[in-house]
Amino acid sequence: MDFDEAYARKNFCHIDDEFQVPVLHFNDLVLSKFNTGRTKDKADIEELQKIEKQKKK
């Protein structure tokens, strides 16, 4: 994953209407975790996909 491309797709988390915190786009987060190859990150991907699926209902 290219940092500049991921940065261009970032989202913002708004906190108390005072702060905007940049966060990775969902797809970039999943890709980043996939690329590590770590068992923990694979488990995180499964949970993230469950959450995303629930949001679409």
C-alpha atoms as a PDB file:
ATOM      1  CA  MET A   1       0.000   0.000   0.000  1.00  0.00           C
ATOM      2  CA  ASP A   2       1.309   3.436  -0.892  1.00  0.00           C
ATOM      3  CA  PHE A   3       1.172   6.003   1.922  1.00  0.00           C
ATOM      4  CA  ASP A   4       0.216   8.899  -0.336  1.00  0.00           C
ATOM      5  CA  GLU A   5      -2.678   6.962  -1.847  1.00  0.00           C
ATOM      6  CA  ALA A   6      -3.917   5.834   1.565  1.00  0.00           C
ATOM      7  CA  TYR A   7      -3.552   9.369   2.916  1.00  0.00           C
ATOM      8  CA  ALA A   8      -5.658  10.723   0.062  1.00  0.00           C
ATOM      9  CA  ARG A   9      -8.462   8.292   1.001  1.00  0.00           C
ATOM     10  CA  LYS A  10      -8.371   9.009   4.731  1.00  0.00           C
ATOM     11  CA  ASN A  11     -11.510   9.668   6.734  1.00  0.00           C
ATOM     12  CA  PHE A  12     -11.906  11.924   9.726  1.00  0.00           C
ATOM     13  CA  CYS A  13     -13.193  11.004  13.147  1.00  0.00           C
ATOM     14  CA  HIS A  14     -14.816  14.045  14.756  1.00  0.00           C
ATOM     15  CA  ILE A  15     -14.384  14.346  18.502  1.00  0.00           C
ATOM     16  CA  ASP A  16     -16.640  16.708  20.450  1.00  0.00           C
ATOM     17  CA  ASP A  17     -16.919  18.999  17.418  1.00  0.00           C
ATOM     18  CA  GLU A  18     -13.460  20.293  18.369  1.00  0.00           C
ATOM     19  CA  PHE A  19     -11.016  17.850  16.836  1.00  0.00           C
ATOM     20  CA  GLN A  20     -10.714  16.028  13.552  1.00  0.00           C
ATOM     21  CA  VAL A  21      -8.532  12.941  13.718  1.00  0.00           C
ATOM     22  CA  PRO A  22      -7.469  11.401  10.396  1.00  0.00           C
ATOM     23  CA  VAL A  23      -7.983   7.636  10.198  1.00  0.00           C
ATOM     24  CA  LEU A  24      -7.357   5.047   7.512  1.00  0.00           C
ATOM     25  CA  HIS A  25     -10.178   4.275   5.120  1.00  0.00           C
ATOM     26  CA  PHE A  26     -11.741   0.913   6.012  1.00  0.00           C
ATOM     27  CA  ASN A  27     -10.382  -0.822   2.899  1.00  0.00           C
ATOM     28  CA  ASP A  28      -6.861   0.490   3.534  1.00  0.00           C
ATOM     29  CA  LEU A  29      -7.005  -0.688   7.146  1.00  0.00           C
ATOM     30  CA  VAL A  30      -8.021  -4.189   6.072  1.00  0.00           C
ATOM     31  CA  LEU A  31      -5.320  -4.267   3.385  1.00  0.00           C
ATOM     32  CA  SER A  32      -2.698  -3.061   5.845  1.00  0.00           C
ATOM     33  CA  LYS A  33      -3.631  -5.774   8.329  1.00  0.00           C
ATOM     34  CA  PHE A  34      -3.701  -8.415   5.579  1.00  0.00           C
ATOM     35  CA  ASN A  35      -0.206  -7.471   4.430  1.00  0.00           C
ATOM     36  CA  THR A  36       1.318  -8.091   7.879  1.00  0.00           C
ATOM     37  CA  GLY A  37       0.499 -11.790   7.732  1.00  0.00           C
ATOM     38  CA  ARG A  38       0.169 -11.885  11.527  1.00  0.00           C
ATOM     39  CA  THR A  39      -2.429 -14.166  13.117  1.00  0.00           C
ATOM     40  CA  LYS A  40      -3.777 -11.317  15.271  1.00  0.00           C
ATOM     41  CA  ASP A  41      -4.295  -9.105  12.236  1.00  0.00           C
ATOM     42  CA  LYS A  42      -6.144 -11.904  10.422  1.00  0.00           C
ATOM     43  CA  ALA A  43      -8.486 -12.152  13.421  1.00  0.00           C
ATOM     44  CA  ASP A  44      -8.910  -8.352  13.332  1.00  0.00           C
ATOM     45  CA  ILE A  45      -9.858  -8.540   9.645  1.00  0.00           C
ATOM     46  CA  GLU A  46     -12.580 -11.071  10.410  1.00  0.00           C
ATOM     47  CA  GLU A  47     -14.000  -8.819  13.121  1.00  0.00           C
ATOM     48  CA  LEU A  48     -13.800  -5.720  10.940  1.00  0.00           C
ATOM     49  CA  GLN A  49     -15.651  -7.522   8.159  1.00  0.00           C
ATOM     50  CA  LYS A  50     -18.376  -8.611  10.606  1.00  0.00           C
ATOM     51  CA  ILE A  51     -18.797  -5.023  11.768  1.00  0.00           C
ATOM     52  CA  GLU A  52     -18.933  -3.729   8.195  1.00  0.00           C
ATOM     53  CA  LYS A  53     -21.525  -6.353   7.282  1.00  0.00           C
ATOM     54  CA  GLN A  54     -23.692  -5.355  10.264  1.00  0.00           C
ATOM     55  CA  LYS A  55     -23.482  -1.677   9.288  1.00  0.00           C
ATOM     56  CA  LYS A  56     -24.892  -2.474   5.848  1.00  0.00           C
ATOM     57  CA  LYS A  57     -28.063  -4.038   7.269  1.00  0.00           C
END
